[in-house]
Amino acid sequence: MSRRYDCAQESERKDGIADAASTVRRGELVVLPTDTVYGIGADAFGPAAVASLLQAKGRGRDMPPPVLVGSVRAAHALVEDLGGHGQDLIDEFWPGPLTLVCQATPSLSWDLGDTKGTVAVRMPMHPVALELLKETGPMAVSSANTSGEPAATTAAEAEAQLGESVSVYLDGGPCADDVPSTIVDLTYAVPRVLRLGAVSMERLRAVCGTVIGEARPRRTPAEEPADGGSPDDGSAD
């Protein structure tokens, strides 16, 4: 039976984080609040756990989940090259709603799906998410919904869609905003916006100078992955 914790209550929050961390280490799934929408998460280094995440959502390996981290240092361990502007973007916008698509460190022992050697990584600005990530390390996290359904903005909505496929639900209250993260691809010489979201083009250009405009129309919140990934960049939801 799934376990649900009200993170507004200090004692439940502490117990919930501990239970969720243990659950992730066992290769099971958890739901957690983020600063965009609720996410369904698994150990990023557990191939079976990542496969279970995709199965719970009804998705295949062609839509690999993004990775959330609890610190900038953790992100550096996952990324081979941030390009000329990646660190500046991190300094300006993390933690927050900016997802960076980078070449993944080739020596990592993981299997997120058909990533084409990239990883979409983000550090969210949500205290519950950050507490859990600091306990577990990097997590594969996608929006807490089944494929084609609206992204959950409450733990109850997530549970209604995902049910017993998730072991622990961390209830952090309703999401403050359902605007998706902006996705920037740093695998090119010039940063390229794959999706425009909470971070505007003007703010990106204030940091990077030249930025290539978004490659596709902005997705609706119903399509928003918890970390802000994109199905067509080979690295995210």
Protein backbone atom coordinates (compact mmCIF):
# COMPACT_ATOMS: atom_id res chain seq x y z
CA MET A 1 0.00 0.00 0.00
CA SER A 2 1.25 3.50 -0.85
CA ARG A 3 2.22 5.82 1.99
CA ARG A 4 1.41 9.53 1.96
CA TYR A 5 2.99 12.23 4.13
CA ASP A 6 1.76 15.78 4.78
CA CYS A 7 4.98 17.78 4.54
CA ALA A 8 3.30 20.83 6.08
CA GLN A 9 3.57 18.97 9.39
CA GLU A 10 7.16 18.97 10.64
CA SER A 11 7.07 15.45 12.06
CA GLU A 12 5.43 13.99 8.95
CA ARG A 13 7.84 15.83 6.70
CA LYS A 14 10.84 14.39 8.52
CA ASP A 15 9.37 10.88 8.46
CA GLY A 16 8.31 11.27 4.84
CA ILE A 17 11.75 12.37 3.64
CA ALA A 18 13.37 9.45 5.47
CA ASP A 19 10.86 6.94 4.08
CA ALA A 20 11.10 8.37 0.56
CA ALA A 21 14.90 8.24 0.62
CA SER A 22 14.86 4.60 1.73
CA THR A 23 12.25 3.84 -0.91
CA VAL A 24 14.39 5.35 -3.68
CA ARG A 25 17.41 3.37 -2.50
CA ARG A 26 15.32 0.18 -2.77
CA GLY A 27 14.57 0.97 -6.41
CA GLU A 28 10.94 1.99 -5.87
CA LEU A 29 9.09 5.12 -6.98
CA VAL A 30 8.15 8.26 -5.07
CA VAL A 31 6.12 11.37 -5.86
CA LEU A 32 7.52 14.71 -4.77
CA PRO A 33 6.60 18.39 -5.16
CA THR A 34 8.81 20.63 -7.31
CA ASP A 35 8.70 24.31 -8.21
CA THR A 36 6.85 23.51 -11.43
CA VAL A 37 4.52 20.51 -11.01
CA TYR A 38 4.60 17.29 -8.98
CA GLY A 39 7.14 14.75 -10.14
CA ILE A 40 7.46 10.98 -10.08
CA GLY A 41 11.01 10.06 -9.21
CA ALA A 42 13.42 7.13 -9.09
CA ASP A 43 17.10 6.49 -8.49
CA ALA A 44 18.83 7.86 -11.61
CA PHE A 45 21.45 5.09 -11.34
CA GLY A 46 18.95 2.25 -11.06
CA PRO A 47 18.04 1.01 -14.56
CA ALA A 48 15.16 -1.13 -13.25
CA ALA A 49 13.83 1.81 -11.23
CA VAL A 50 13.96 4.12 -14.27
CA ALA A 51 12.19 1.45 -16.33
CA SER A 52 9.48 1.26 -13.65
CA LEU A 53 9.08 5.05 -13.80
CA LEU A 54 8.56 4.95 -17.57
CA GLN A 55 6.15 2.02 -17.21
CA ALA A 56 4.11 3.85 -14.55
CA LYS A 57 3.74 6.79 -16.93
CA GLY A 58 3.04 4.61 -19.95
CA ARG A 59 6.10 5.80 -21.85
CA GLY A 60 8.97 4.14 -23.67
CA ARG A 61 12.74 4.51 -23.77
CA ASP A 62 12.40 7.13 -26.51
CA MET A 63 11.23 9.57 -23.80
CA PRO A 64 13.95 9.31 -21.13
CA PRO A 65 13.36 11.27 -17.93
CA PRO A 66 15.35 14.34 -16.90
CA VAL A 67 17.52 14.32 -13.78
CA LEU A 68 17.02 16.54 -10.74
CA VAL A 69 19.93 17.33 -8.43
CA GLY A 70 20.17 18.77 -4.95
CA SER A 71 23.37 20.74 -5.53
CA VAL A 72 25.44 22.30 -8.28
CA ARG A 73 28.27 19.95 -7.37
CA ALA A 74 26.04 16.96 -8.12
CA ALA A 75 25.22 18.42 -11.52
CA HIS A 76 28.91 18.84 -12.37
CA ALA A 77 29.44 15.14 -11.73
CA LEU A 78 26.82 14.25 -14.34
CA VAL A 79 27.86 16.66 -17.08
CA GLU A 80 30.94 16.34 -19.28
CA ASP A 81 30.83 19.86 -20.72
CA LEU A 82 28.76 22.91 -19.74
CA GLY A 83 29.94 24.87 -22.75
CA GLY A 84 30.88 28.52 -22.56
CA HIS A 85 27.74 29.69 -20.77
CA GLY A 86 26.51 26.80 -18.64
CA GLN A 87 28.12 27.88 -15.39
CA ASP A 88 26.88 31.45 -15.83
CA LEU A 89 23.33 30.16 -16.35
CA ILE A 90 23.61 27.97 -13.26
CA ASP A 91 24.90 30.88 -11.19
CA GLU A 92 22.01 33.08 -12.31
CA PHE A 93 19.04 30.72 -12.36
CA TRP A 94 19.66 27.73 -10.06
CA PRO A 95 17.93 26.59 -8.04
CA GLY A 96 15.00 27.40 -10.28
CA PRO A 97 13.03 26.61 -13.44
CA LEU A 98 15.87 26.26 -15.94
CA THR A 99 16.75 22.87 -17.42
CA LEU A 100 20.13 22.45 -19.13
CA VAL A 101 20.70 19.80 -21.77
CA CYS A 102 24.37 18.80 -21.83
CA GLN A 103 26.65 15.99 -22.89
CA ALA A 104 26.58 13.45 -20.07
CA THR A 105 29.77 12.22 -18.42
CA PRO A 106 30.48 9.09 -20.49
CA SER A 107 31.79 7.01 -17.58
CA LEU A 108 28.49 7.12 -15.67
CA SER A 109 26.89 3.74 -15.03
CA TRP A 110 23.24 4.46 -15.70
CA ASP A 111 20.49 3.90 -18.26
CA LEU A 112 17.90 6.64 -18.58
CA GLY A 113 16.74 5.46 -21.99
CA ASP A 114 17.61 6.65 -25.48
CA THR A 115 19.45 9.82 -24.45
CA LYS A 116 21.96 9.97 -27.33
CA GLY A 117 24.64 10.69 -24.75
CA THR A 118 22.98 13.73 -23.25
CA VAL A 119 21.31 14.53 -19.95
CA ALA A 120 18.71 17.17 -19.07
CA VAL A 121 19.56 18.38 -15.58
CA ARG A 122 17.98 20.86 -13.18
CA MET A 123 18.19 21.94 -9.55
CA PRO A 124 14.62 22.75 -8.41
CA MET A 125 13.69 25.52 -6.00
CA HIS A 126 11.50 23.54 -3.61
CA PRO A 127 12.56 22.72 -0.04
CA VAL A 128 11.01 19.23 0.05
CA ALA A 129 12.56 18.27 -3.28
CA LEU A 130 15.97 19.59 -2.23
CA GLU A 131 15.85 17.78 1.12
CA LEU A 132 15.08 14.50 -0.60
CA LEU A 133 17.68 14.98 -3.33
CA LYS A 134 20.38 15.68 -0.77
CA GLU A 135 19.55 12.32 0.82
CA THR A 136 19.28 10.29 -2.38
CA GLY A 137 21.61 11.95 -4.84
CA PRO A 138 20.48 12.56 -8.44
CA MET A 139 16.99 11.32 -9.28
CA ALA A 140 15.30 10.65 -12.59
CA VAL A 141 12.13 12.74 -12.27
CA SER A 142 9.28 13.22 -14.72
CA SER A 143 5.88 14.85 -14.32
CA ALA A 144 3.59 12.87 -12.01
CA ASN A 145 0.96 11.85 -14.52
CA THR A 146 0.20 9.08 -16.94
CA SER A 147 0.98 9.79 -20.57
CA GLY A 148 -1.53 12.12 -22.18
CA GLU A 149 -3.12 13.23 -18.90
CA PRO A 150 -2.69 16.61 -17.18
CA ALA A 151 0.38 17.03 -15.00
CA ALA A 152 -0.48 16.82 -11.30
CA THR A 153 -0.35 20.05 -9.31
CA THR A 154 -1.29 18.32 -6.03
CA ALA A 155 -0.27 15.04 -4.43
CA ALA A 156 -3.90 13.88 -4.59
CA GLU A 157 -3.99 14.40 -8.36
CA ALA A 158 -0.76 12.44 -8.71
CA GLU A 159 -2.11 9.58 -6.59
CA ALA A 160 -5.35 9.47 -8.58
CA GLN A 161 -3.33 8.84 -11.76
CA LEU A 162 -0.41 6.75 -10.53
CA GLY A 163 -1.96 4.85 -7.61
CA GLU A 164 -0.07 1.89 -6.18
CA SER A 165 2.74 2.11 -8.76
CA VAL A 166 4.23 4.72 -6.40
CA SER A 167 5.32 3.69 -2.90
CA VAL A 168 5.56 7.11 -1.23
CA TYR A 169 3.72 10.38 -1.88
CA LEU A 170 5.22 13.53 -0.38
CA ASP A 171 2.43 16.11 -0.13
CA GLY A 172 3.87 19.60 -0.28
CA GLY A 173 0.56 21.32 -0.92
CA PRO A 174 -0.67 22.75 -4.24
CA CYS A 175 1.99 23.90 -6.70
CA ALA A 176 2.46 27.66 -6.66
CA ASP A 177 2.72 27.82 -10.44
CA ASP A 178 2.36 25.42 -13.35
CA VAL A 179 4.52 27.38 -15.81
CA PRO A 180 7.12 24.91 -17.16
CA SER A 181 10.84 25.33 -16.90
CA THR A 182 12.76 26.80 -19.80
CA ILE A 183 14.98 24.24 -21.55
CA VAL A 184 18.32 25.33 -22.97
CA ASP A 185 20.47 22.99 -25.06
CA LEU A 186 24.17 23.57 -24.39
CA THR A 187 25.43 20.89 -26.79
CA TYR A 188 25.80 23.49 -29.55
CA ALA A 189 28.37 26.30 -29.79
CA VAL A 190 25.57 28.80 -29.17
CA PRO A 191 22.92 28.08 -26.48
CA ARG A 192 19.65 26.97 -28.07
CA VAL A 193 16.26 27.26 -26.41
CA LEU A 194 14.28 24.04 -26.87
CA ARG A 195 11.30 25.33 -24.90
CA LEU A 196 10.56 28.77 -23.51
CA GLY A 197 9.02 28.70 -20.05
CA ALA A 198 9.51 30.46 -16.73
CA VAL A 199 12.87 31.99 -17.70
CA SER A 200 12.40 34.49 -20.54
CA MET A 201 14.56 34.92 -23.62
CA GLU A 202 15.48 38.39 -22.43
CA ARG A 203 16.85 37.04 -19.15
CA LEU A 204 18.79 34.33 -20.96
CA ARG A 205 20.34 36.83 -23.37
CA ALA A 206 21.28 39.09 -20.46
CA VAL A 207 23.52 36.24 -19.29
CA CYS A 208 24.65 34.63 -22.55
CA GLY A 209 24.42 37.35 -25.15
CA THR A 210 23.48 35.34 -28.24
CA VAL A 211 20.79 32.68 -27.74
CA ILE A 212 19.03 30.84 -30.56
CA GLY A 213 15.23 31.00 -30.24
CA GLU A 214 13.04 28.09 -29.23
CA ALA A 215 12.90 25.21 -31.67
CA ARG A 216 9.24 24.35 -31.13
CA PRO A 217 6.05 25.93 -29.75
CA ARG A 218 5.82 26.06 -25.99
CA ARG A 219 4.21 22.99 -24.46
CA THR A 220 1.21 23.22 -22.21
CA PRO A 221 1.48 22.53 -18.46
CA ALA A 222 -0.20 19.18 -19.09
CA GLU A 223 2.93 18.14 -20.98
CA GLU A 224 5.38 19.58 -18.48
CA PRO A 225 7.92 17.24 -16.94
CA ALA A 226 8.77 17.97 -13.37
CA ASP A 227 12.25 18.97 -14.30
CA GLY A 228 11.28 20.57 -17.55
CA GLY A 229 12.51 18.09 -20.16
CA SER A 230 11.56 17.69 -23.79
CA PRO A 231 10.74 14.53 -25.75
CA ASP A 232 12.63 15.53 -28.86
CA ASP A 233 16.03 16.45 -27.49
CA GLY A 234 16.89 12.86 -26.66
CA SER A 235 17.35 13.59 -22.96
CA ALA A 236 14.09 14.34 -21.24
CA ASP A 237 10.41 13.69 -20.75
